[in-house]
Protein backbone atom coordinates (compact mmCIF):
# COMPACT_ATOMS: atom_id res chain seq x y z
CA UNK A 1 11.31 -38.62 -16.83
CA UNK A 2 11.50 -34.92 -17.79
CA UNK A 3 10.35 -32.16 -15.46
CA UNK A 4 7.38 -31.58 -17.79
CA UNK A 5 6.14 -35.08 -16.91
CA UNK A 6 6.74 -34.77 -13.17
CA UNK A 7 4.40 -33.52 -10.47
CA UNK A 8 5.35 -32.36 -7.00
CA UNK A 9 3.47 -35.32 -5.54
CA UNK A 10 5.50 -37.74 -7.68
CA UNK A 11 8.69 -36.30 -6.17
CA UNK A 12 7.60 -37.67 -2.79
CA UNK A 13 6.44 -34.47 -1.10
CA UNK A 14 3.90 -34.60 1.73
CA UNK A 15 0.26 -33.73 1.03
CA UNK A 16 0.59 -30.76 3.41
CA UNK A 17 3.11 -29.25 1.00
CA UNK A 18 1.53 -30.31 -2.31
CA UNK A 19 -1.84 -28.93 -1.24
CA UNK A 20 -0.26 -25.55 -0.54
CA UNK A 21 1.67 -25.67 -3.83
CA UNK A 22 -1.61 -26.23 -5.65
CA UNK A 23 -3.04 -23.15 -3.94
CA UNK A 24 0.02 -21.18 -5.12
CA UNK A 25 -0.59 -22.52 -8.65
CA UNK A 26 2.69 -24.42 -8.79
CA UNK A 27 1.82 -26.91 -11.50
CA UNK A 28 5.07 -28.69 -12.39
CA UNK A 29 8.58 -28.74 -11.00
CA UNK A 30 11.26 -26.80 -12.86
CA UNK A 31 14.36 -28.63 -14.05
CA UNK A 32 16.38 -27.77 -10.95
CA UNK A 33 13.50 -28.80 -8.67
CA UNK A 34 12.94 -32.09 -10.48
CA UNK A 35 16.64 -32.94 -10.26
CA UNK A 36 17.36 -31.75 -6.73
CA UNK A 37 14.29 -32.49 -4.58
CA UNK A 38 14.54 -36.33 -4.82
CA UNK A 39 18.26 -36.20 -3.95
CA UNK A 40 17.69 -34.07 -0.85
CA UNK A 41 14.73 -36.17 0.24
CA UNK A 42 16.96 -39.23 -0.03
CA UNK A 43 19.45 -37.59 2.35
CA UNK A 44 22.27 -36.84 -0.08
CA UNK A 45 24.53 -33.81 0.09
CA UNK A 46 24.03 -31.72 -3.06
CA UNK A 47 26.13 -29.25 -5.03
CA UNK A 48 23.79 -27.44 -7.44
CA UNK A 49 24.45 -24.87 -10.13
CA UNK A 50 21.32 -22.77 -10.55
CA UNK A 51 20.80 -19.16 -11.54
CA UNK A 52 18.18 -16.82 -10.11
CA UNK A 53 14.79 -17.41 -11.71
CA UNK A 54 15.13 -21.18 -12.13
CA UNK A 55 13.08 -22.09 -9.06
CA UNK A 56 16.12 -22.89 -6.94
CA UNK A 57 14.60 -21.60 -3.69
CA UNK A 58 11.81 -24.16 -3.83
CA UNK A 59 14.39 -26.77 -4.85
CA UNK A 60 15.96 -26.67 -1.38
CA UNK A 61 13.15 -25.33 0.84
CA UNK A 62 10.55 -27.96 -0.12
CA UNK A 63 12.67 -31.02 0.76
CA UNK A 64 13.88 -29.18 3.87
CA UNK A 65 10.28 -28.67 5.02
CA UNK A 66 9.47 -32.28 4.19
CA UNK A 67 12.32 -33.62 6.34
CA UNK A 68 11.29 -31.40 9.27
CA UNK A 69 7.65 -32.50 8.94
CA UNK A 70 8.74 -36.13 9.04
CA UNK A 71 10.90 -35.51 12.12
CA UNK A 72 8.02 -33.76 13.91
CA UNK A 73 5.70 -36.65 13.16
CA UNK A 74 8.32 -39.11 14.37
CA UNK A 75 8.74 -37.23 17.66
CA UNK A 76 5.01 -37.52 18.33
CA UNK A 77 5.01 -41.20 17.35
CA UNK A 78 7.79 -41.84 19.88
CA UNK A 79 5.56 -40.47 22.66
CA UNK A 80 2.69 -42.72 21.55
CA UNK A 81 4.98 -45.75 21.32
CA UNK A 82 6.15 -45.25 24.91
CA UNK A 83 2.52 -45.10 26.04
CA UNK A 84 1.67 -48.32 24.20
CA UNK A 85 4.68 -50.20 25.64
CA UNK A 86 3.84 -49.12 29.19
CA UNK A 87 0.29 -50.47 28.89
CA UNK A 88 1.46 -53.74 27.34
CA UNK A 89 4.00 -54.29 30.14
CA UNK A 90 1.30 -53.87 32.74
CA UNK A 91 2.84 -50.67 34.02
CA UNK A 92 -0.01 -48.37 34.95
CA UNK A 93 1.93 -45.13 34.50
CA UNK A 94 -0.65 -43.77 32.11
CA UNK A 95 -3.71 -45.89 32.76
CA UNK A 96 -5.60 -42.82 33.87
CA UNK A 97 -4.53 -40.63 30.95
CA UNK A 98 -7.49 -39.34 29.03
CA UNK A 99 -7.58 -38.44 25.31
CA UNK A 100 -7.12 -34.72 25.99
CA UNK A 101 -4.07 -35.52 28.12
CA UNK A 102 -2.54 -37.66 25.38
CA UNK A 103 -3.16 -34.83 22.92
CA UNK A 104 -1.50 -32.43 25.34
CA UNK A 105 1.49 -34.77 25.59
CA UNK A 106 1.78 -34.83 21.80
CA UNK A 107 1.63 -31.03 21.66
CA UNK A 108 4.38 -30.85 24.28
CA UNK A 109 6.50 -33.25 22.24
CA UNK A 110 6.08 -31.05 19.17
CA UNK A 111 6.86 -27.93 21.21
CA UNK A 112 10.00 -29.51 22.65
CA UNK A 113 11.15 -30.46 19.15
CA UNK A 114 10.47 -26.95 17.88
CA UNK A 115 12.76 -25.50 20.55
CA UNK A 116 15.59 -27.24 18.73
CA UNK A 117 16.70 -25.50 15.54
CA UNK A 118 16.83 -28.16 12.85
CA UNK A 119 17.83 -26.24 9.73
CA UNK A 120 20.11 -23.34 8.86
CA UNK A 121 19.96 -21.47 5.55
CA UNK A 122 22.86 -19.08 4.94
CA UNK A 123 22.43 -16.28 2.38
CA UNK A 124 24.63 -13.35 1.35
CA UNK A 125 22.18 -10.43 1.73
CA UNK A 126 19.27 -9.18 3.79
CA UNK A 127 17.03 -9.00 0.74
CA UNK A 128 17.66 -12.64 -0.12
CA UNK A 129 17.01 -13.63 3.51
CA UNK A 130 13.63 -11.90 3.31
CA UNK A 131 12.76 -13.61 0.03
CA UNK A 132 13.75 -17.08 1.24
CA UNK A 133 11.77 -16.50 4.45
CA UNK A 134 8.74 -15.47 2.42
CA UNK A 135 8.99 -18.67 0.37
CA UNK A 136 9.37 -20.87 3.45
CA UNK A 137 6.39 -19.18 5.09
CA UNK A 138 4.24 -19.65 2.00
CA UNK A 139 5.13 -23.30 1.47
CA UNK A 140 4.75 -24.17 5.17
CA UNK A 141 1.47 -22.32 5.66
CA UNK A 142 -0.52 -25.50 6.34
CA UNK A 143 2.00 -26.77 8.89
CA UNK A 144 3.33 -25.59 12.25
CA UNK A 145 6.88 -25.10 10.98
CA UNK A 146 8.38 -21.78 11.97
CA UNK A 147 11.28 -19.80 10.51
CA UNK A 148 13.21 -16.80 11.84
CA UNK A 149 15.33 -14.32 9.87
CA UNK A 150 18.69 -13.18 11.24
CA UNK A 151 20.47 -10.32 9.44
CA UNK A 152 22.08 -6.97 10.14
CA UNK A 153 20.63 -3.49 9.88
CA UNK A 154 17.67 -4.15 12.20
CA UNK A 155 17.07 -4.52 15.93
CA UNK A 156 19.08 -7.40 17.34
CA UNK A 157 16.73 -7.72 20.33
CA UNK A 158 13.72 -8.45 18.13
CA UNK A 159 15.67 -11.32 16.57
CA UNK A 160 16.72 -12.59 20.00
CA UNK A 161 13.08 -12.65 21.11
CA UNK A 162 12.02 -14.50 17.97
CA UNK A 163 14.74 -17.12 18.42
CA UNK A 164 13.89 -17.65 22.10
CA UNK A 165 10.23 -18.12 21.17
CA UNK A 166 11.29 -21.24 19.29
CA UNK A 167 11.92 -21.91 15.63
CA UNK A 168 12.62 -24.80 13.30
CA UNK A 169 14.59 -22.88 10.67
CA UNK A 170 17.09 -20.03 10.85
CA UNK A 171 17.60 -17.98 7.67
CA UNK A 172 20.68 -15.84 8.19
CA UNK A 173 23.46 -13.75 6.79
CA UNK A 174 26.84 -14.96 8.11
CA UNK A 175 27.88 -11.80 9.96
CA UNK A 176 24.78 -11.33 12.11
CA UNK A 177 24.52 -15.07 12.80
CA UNK A 178 28.04 -15.04 14.21
CA UNK A 179 27.08 -12.11 16.45
CA UNK A 180 24.25 -14.21 17.93
CA UNK A 181 26.52 -17.24 18.33
CA UNK A 182 29.23 -15.24 20.10
CA UNK A 183 26.63 -13.81 22.49
CA UNK A 184 25.25 -17.33 23.02
CA UNK A 185 21.79 -16.32 21.90
CA UNK A 186 21.41 -19.62 20.06
CA UNK A 187 23.11 -22.95 19.57
CA UNK A 188 23.58 -24.85 16.33
CA UNK A 189 24.15 -28.17 18.07
CA UNK A 190 20.81 -29.59 16.91
CA UNK A 191 21.17 -28.59 13.23
CA UNK A 192 20.46 -31.49 10.88
CA UNK A 193 20.26 -29.57 7.58
CA UNK A 194 22.49 -26.81 6.23
CA UNK A 195 21.88 -24.85 3.01
CA UNK A 196 24.19 -22.26 1.48
CA UNK A 197 22.28 -20.23 -1.09
CA UNK A 198 24.24 -18.17 -3.63
CA UNK A 199 27.48 -19.48 -2.18
CA UNK A 200 29.52 -17.88 -4.97
CA UNK A 201 28.27 -14.44 -3.97
CA UNK A 202 29.03 -15.08 -0.30
CA UNK A 203 32.62 -15.87 -1.26
CA UNK A 204 32.76 -12.78 -3.50
CA UNK A 205 31.56 -10.64 -0.59
CA UNK A 206 34.32 -11.93 1.69
CA UNK A 207 32.21 -14.18 3.94
CA UNK A 208 34.52 -17.21 3.70
CA UNK A 209 36.02 -16.75 7.19
CA UNK A 210 32.58 -16.23 8.73
CA UNK A 211 31.24 -19.36 7.04
CA UNK A 212 34.21 -21.41 8.26
CA UNK A 213 33.63 -20.11 11.82
CA UNK A 214 29.96 -21.11 11.59
CA UNK A 215 30.85 -24.58 10.26
CA UNK A 216 32.96 -25.22 13.37
CA UNK A 217 29.82 -24.82 15.50
CA UNK A 218 27.73 -27.26 13.46
CA UNK A 219 27.39 -31.01 14.06
CA UNK A 220 29.70 -33.06 11.85
CA UNK A 221 26.78 -35.32 10.96
CA UNK A 222 24.32 -33.29 8.93
CA UNK A 223 22.93 -32.92 5.42
CA UNK A 224 24.38 -30.03 3.42
CA UNK A 225 23.26 -28.43 0.16
CA UNK A 226 25.27 -25.76 -1.63
CA UNK A 227 23.61 -23.70 -4.35
CA UNK A 228 25.60 -21.38 -6.60
CA UNK A 229 24.86 -19.47 -9.77
CA UNK A 230 28.26 -20.58 -11.07
CA UNK A 231 30.12 -23.82 -10.45
CA UNK A 232 33.72 -22.78 -10.97
CA UNK A 233 36.96 -24.11 -9.50
CA UNK A 234 36.65 -21.89 -6.42
CA UNK A 235 33.20 -23.27 -5.60
CA UNK A 236 34.26 -26.88 -6.15
CA UNK A 237 37.27 -26.37 -3.89
CA UNK A 238 35.17 -24.68 -1.20
CA UNK A 239 32.49 -27.38 -1.39
CA UNK A 240 35.06 -30.02 -0.39
CA UNK A 241 35.09 -28.50 3.10
CA UNK A 242 31.32 -28.75 3.45
CA UNK A 243 29.97 -31.68 1.49
CA UNK A 244 30.26 -35.43 1.87
CA UNK A 245 30.14 -37.39 -1.41
CA UNK A 246 27.79 -34.81 -2.95
CA UNK A 247 25.54 -35.29 -5.94
CA UNK A 248 26.31 -32.56 -8.48
CA UNK A 249 23.38 -30.99 -10.33
CA UNK A 250 23.73 -28.58 -13.26
CA UNK A 251 20.59 -27.96 -15.31
CA UNK A 252 22.07 -25.34 -17.65
CA UNK A 253 25.35 -24.93 -19.49
CA UNK A 254 27.96 -23.20 -17.36
CA UNK A 255 28.20 -19.40 -17.94
CA UNK A 256 25.21 -19.52 -20.30
CA UNK A 257 22.40 -16.97 -20.49
CA UNK A 258 18.70 -17.73 -20.77
CA UNK A 259 17.53 -18.56 -24.29
CA UNK A 260 14.62 -16.12 -24.14
CA UNK A 261 16.75 -13.07 -23.31
CA UNK A 262 17.33 -10.73 -26.24
CA UNK A 263 20.71 -9.02 -25.87
CA UNK A 264 21.40 -5.65 -27.50
CA UNK A 265 24.75 -3.87 -27.28
CA UNK A 266 24.77 -0.22 -28.36
CA UNK A 267 28.19 1.20 -29.20
CA UNK A 268 28.47 4.91 -28.34
CA UNK A 269 30.58 7.57 -26.69
CA UNK A 270 30.67 7.69 -22.88
CA UNK A 271 29.04 11.14 -22.71
CA UNK A 272 26.06 9.86 -24.71
CA UNK A 273 25.21 7.03 -22.33
CA UNK A 274 22.87 8.91 -20.01
CA UNK A 275 21.03 10.77 -22.81
CA UNK A 276 20.45 7.44 -24.60
CA UNK A 277 19.36 5.84 -21.32
CA UNK A 278 16.80 8.61 -20.83
CA UNK A 279 15.62 8.17 -24.42
CA UNK A 280 15.19 4.39 -24.01
CA UNK A 281 13.23 4.80 -20.79
CA UNK A 282 10.93 7.39 -22.35
CA UNK A 283 10.21 4.98 -25.21
CA UNK A 284 8.60 2.58 -22.70
CA UNK A 285 7.68 4.55 -19.61
CA UNK A 286 5.82 1.71 -17.90
CA UNK A 287 8.36 -1.04 -18.47
CA UNK A 288 9.89 -2.41 -15.26
CA UNK A 289 13.57 -1.64 -15.71
CA UNK A 290 16.57 -2.60 -13.59
CA UNK A 291 19.62 -0.45 -14.37
CA UNK A 292 23.11 -1.53 -13.29
CA UNK A 293 26.02 0.63 -12.24
CA UNK A 294 29.42 -0.61 -11.08
CA UNK A 295 29.52 1.68 -8.03
CA UNK A 296 27.22 3.12 -5.37
CA UNK A 297 28.19 6.64 -6.40
CA UNK A 298 27.37 5.77 -9.99
CA UNK A 299 23.94 4.46 -9.00
CA UNK A 300 23.22 7.70 -7.14
CA UNK A 301 24.37 9.82 -10.10
CA UNK A 302 22.33 7.88 -12.64
CA UNK A 303 19.19 8.05 -10.49
CA UNK A 304 19.68 11.79 -9.94
CA UNK A 305 20.15 12.38 -13.68
CA UNK A 306 16.96 10.50 -14.52
CA UNK A 307 15.01 12.35 -11.85
CA UNK A 308 16.25 15.58 -13.44
CA UNK A 309 14.79 14.30 -16.72
CA UNK A 310 11.41 13.81 -15.00
CA UNK A 311 11.83 10.02 -14.97
CA UNK A 312 11.01 8.56 -11.53
CA UNK A 313 13.99 6.43 -10.51
CA UNK A 314 15.58 5.33 -7.24
CA UNK A 315 19.07 4.08 -6.32
CA UNK A 316 19.48 0.75 -4.56
CA UNK A 317 22.77 -0.03 -2.79
CA UNK A 318 24.29 -0.96 0.55
CA UNK A 319 24.84 2.63 1.79
CA UNK A 320 21.08 3.20 1.98
CA UNK A 321 19.28 2.37 5.23
CA UNK A 322 17.42 -0.91 5.50
CA UNK A 323 14.13 0.99 5.76
CA UNK A 324 14.80 2.90 2.53
CA UNK A 325 15.89 -0.25 0.70
CA UNK A 326 12.80 -2.14 1.83
CA UNK A 327 10.49 0.72 0.83
CA UNK A 328 12.19 1.14 -2.55
CA UNK A 329 12.01 -2.57 -3.31
CA UNK A 330 8.35 -2.75 -2.25
CA UNK A 331 7.53 0.18 -4.55
CA UNK A 332 9.37 -1.44 -7.45
CA UNK A 333 7.69 -4.83 -6.98
CA UNK A 334 4.29 -3.16 -6.69
CA UNK A 335 5.06 -1.15 -9.87
CA UNK A 336 4.66 2.14 -8.08
CA UNK A 337 8.24 2.68 -9.27
CA UNK A 338 9.35 1.56 -12.73
CA UNK A 339 13.09 2.26 -12.66
CA UNK A 340 15.58 0.89 -10.13
CA UNK A 341 19.31 1.73 -10.33
CA UNK A 342 21.36 -0.88 -8.49
CA UNK A 343 24.86 -2.15 -7.85
CA UNK A 344 25.76 -5.79 -8.40
CA UNK A 345 26.09 -6.58 -4.69
CA UNK A 346 22.76 -4.97 -3.73
CA UNK A 347 20.85 -6.57 -6.60
CA UNK A 348 22.18 -10.07 -6.02
CA UNK A 349 19.37 -12.28 -4.79
CA UNK A 350 16.57 -9.89 -5.72
CA UNK A 351 13.54 -11.88 -6.79
CA UNK A 352 11.47 -9.64 -9.05
CA UNK A 353 8.67 -11.09 -11.15
CA UNK A 354 7.95 -9.78 -14.63
CA UNK A 355 11.08 -7.66 -15.00
CA UNK A 356 10.81 -6.35 -18.54
CA UNK A 357 14.42 -5.34 -19.13
CA UNK A 358 17.87 -4.88 -17.71
CA UNK A 359 20.14 -2.04 -18.82
CA UNK A 360 23.89 -2.05 -18.21
CA UNK A 361 25.08 1.54 -18.15
CA UNK A 362 28.52 0.14 -17.33
CA UNK A 363 29.74 -3.42 -17.71
CA UNK A 364 30.57 -5.19 -14.43
CA UNK A 365 34.08 -5.64 -13.08
CA UNK A 366 33.60 -9.43 -13.02
CA UNK A 367 32.61 -11.24 -16.20
CA UNK A 368 30.29 -13.67 -14.40
CA UNK A 369 28.29 -10.74 -13.03
CA UNK A 370 27.13 -10.02 -16.59
CA UNK A 371 25.33 -13.38 -16.55
CA UNK A 372 23.86 -12.61 -13.12
CA UNK A 373 22.68 -9.18 -14.26
CA UNK A 374 20.84 -10.12 -17.41
CA UNK A 375 19.48 -13.25 -15.72
CA UNK A 376 17.10 -10.97 -13.81
CA UNK A 377 14.90 -10.77 -16.89
CA UNK A 378 13.58 -13.56 -19.13
CA UNK A 379 12.61 -15.67 -16.13
CA UNK A 380 10.14 -18.55 -15.79
CA UNK A 381 10.04 -19.05 -19.55
CA UNK A 382 9.14 -15.42 -20.31
CA UNK A 383 10.93 -13.20 -22.79
CA UNK A 384 13.31 -10.52 -21.54
CA UNK A 385 15.48 -7.74 -22.91
CA UNK A 386 19.05 -6.97 -21.83
CA UNK A 387 20.61 -3.74 -23.14
CA UNK A 388 24.25 -2.77 -22.72
CA UNK A 389 25.53 0.77 -23.35
CA UNK A 390 29.09 0.16 -24.50
CA UNK A 391 31.85 2.74 -24.75
CA UNK A 392 35.61 2.44 -25.12
CA UNK A 393 35.85 2.58 -21.32
CA UNK A 394 34.15 -0.83 -21.15
CA UNK A 395 36.49 -2.53 -23.62
CA UNK A 396 38.49 -4.58 -21.10
CA UNK A 397 35.30 -5.85 -19.44
CA UNK A 398 33.77 -6.72 -22.83
CA UNK A 399 36.72 -8.90 -23.76
CA UNK A 400 36.53 -10.75 -20.42
CA UNK A 401 32.76 -11.28 -20.76
CA UNK A 402 33.01 -12.63 -24.32
CA UNK A 403 35.75 -14.98 -23.21
CA UNK A 404 33.61 -16.16 -20.30
CA UNK A 405 30.54 -16.68 -22.50
CA UNK A 406 32.62 -18.18 -25.29
CA UNK A 407 30.72 -16.12 -27.83
CA UNK A 408 30.72 -12.68 -29.45
CA UNK A 409 28.24 -10.01 -28.38
CA UNK A 410 27.07 -8.31 -31.61
CA UNK A 411 27.25 -4.53 -31.43
CA UNK A 412 25.10 -1.93 -33.18
CA UNK A 413 24.57 1.81 -33.28
CA UNK A 414 21.45 3.55 -32.06
CA UNK A 415 20.31 6.20 -34.53
CA UNK A 416 21.05 9.68 -33.24
CA UNK A 417 23.56 8.41 -30.66
CA UNK A 418 26.30 7.06 -32.94
CA UNK A 419 29.92 7.29 -31.71
CA UNK A 420 32.07 10.11 -33.03
CA UNK A 421 34.75 8.35 -35.08
CA UNK A 422 36.62 11.60 -35.70
CA UNK A 423 37.74 11.78 -32.07
CA UNK A 424 41.34 10.85 -31.39
CA UNK A 425 41.63 7.69 -29.34
CA UNK A 426 42.71 8.28 -25.74
CA UNK A 427 46.15 6.73 -25.07
CA UNK A 428 45.73 3.55 -23.06
CA UNK A 429 48.13 1.50 -20.93
CA UNK A 430 50.05 -1.12 -22.89
CA UNK A 431 47.92 -4.03 -21.61
CA UNK A 432 44.77 -2.36 -22.88
CA UNK A 433 46.04 -1.41 -26.36
CA UNK A 434 45.16 -4.73 -27.98
CA UNK A 435 41.57 -4.47 -26.80
CA UNK A 436 41.42 -0.84 -27.88
CA UNK A 437 42.44 -1.76 -31.40
CA UNK A 438 39.74 -4.42 -31.51
CA UNK A 439 37.16 -1.86 -30.37
CA UNK A 440 38.25 0.64 -33.02
CA UNK A 441 38.15 -2.07 -35.69
CA UNK A 442 34.58 -2.91 -34.68
CA UNK A 443 33.60 0.75 -34.89
CA UNK A 444 35.07 0.99 -38.38
CA UNK A 445 33.26 -2.16 -39.45
CA UNK A 446 29.99 -0.74 -38.15
CA UNK A 447 30.65 2.52 -40.01
CA UNK A 448 31.38 0.68 -43.24
CA UNK A 449 28.24 -1.43 -42.84
CA UNK A 450 26.15 1.71 -42.23
CA UNK A 451 27.54 3.37 -45.39
CA UNK A 452 26.69 0.35 -47.52
CA UNK A 453 23.09 0.44 -46.33
CA UNK A 454 22.62 4.06 -47.37
């Protein structure tokens, strides 16, 4: 049965969840949800390849909430069963218990269960932690399930208080979670479900040691789900340490980009990048645009240049305070700000609806990050536009990206910003010469094509 024929109820979700999904206008499961939810409900470990925008958060949070709901109901049933057995055995321990008292006992049973943390969701960034928490809160609105966020950059005492108040789910970044564990603020001994979201990014950011340290504090018997935008050899190798006989789910071709994303690559000189960027933004002033830079300094410089051109823009990277990042992201989501200039690390995990376009001022250092970048647009079946400003400086990255995608990215010139072919090529290191020749050949081919059209 295809996802178009499925409903959330047919996947086996509780009415408490499906009723809330109806209120949120979730009509049908996405491909990743239809494939993953039944496996997690059945208790399997899962290794899933899913990019941002495919509905992956609901794919692991919904079955997680379902399993916790079932456990809560079971804990109350156990109290009732003990009461029934006592009466049947003629033991008058509770013969005088009234209905309100039984209800109170059930509430106490639920409260005692809630003091035990049952699920841990690990994420690479604070922004992703906030987004996952928002989803959990929305989906669980009709239940008494509680979730607490644990990440750096904010008051540790506020998190301690929230944890001590009792929670079912911890949503955490690895570093801050380890801080709490080392200070014995919480225990993971009761964890039954573990989720690693965007595991590839956590490895890229150097969290492997922290994750391994956290794993040592978890029960050996648990259900584990690992979600990654890419399923490469590194992820498969890492998953062997976490998963037991996992079911592997991939709903899209590896290293592919969304079918509804239009990709445009403009070939130009480096010094023309920012003027063309300004020109493109002025063509559609109200389009929600996410601009990528390879470095934090680059993001600051691009944002400053655009501001100097009277184009409201803000940088978004890890050197900014949490308050500034939250405010900037809120403004962008609310469309009070139309242009956000981000680094790959800061933008990873951002969940932005109706993003009209992505512009790469520089190609990323890692080829797979190109897929992550342009995957921010063209989400949920909508059309998106991905523009890359390509100069000779990006040649090495272009070759790596085309090899990763296993396809050629067609290049074109933008009228008025054509590259100057009369400039002497800058000498490059020997390893880069082959790519440089390819780039020059492409420029000549474009020039010849342009002359024929005149």
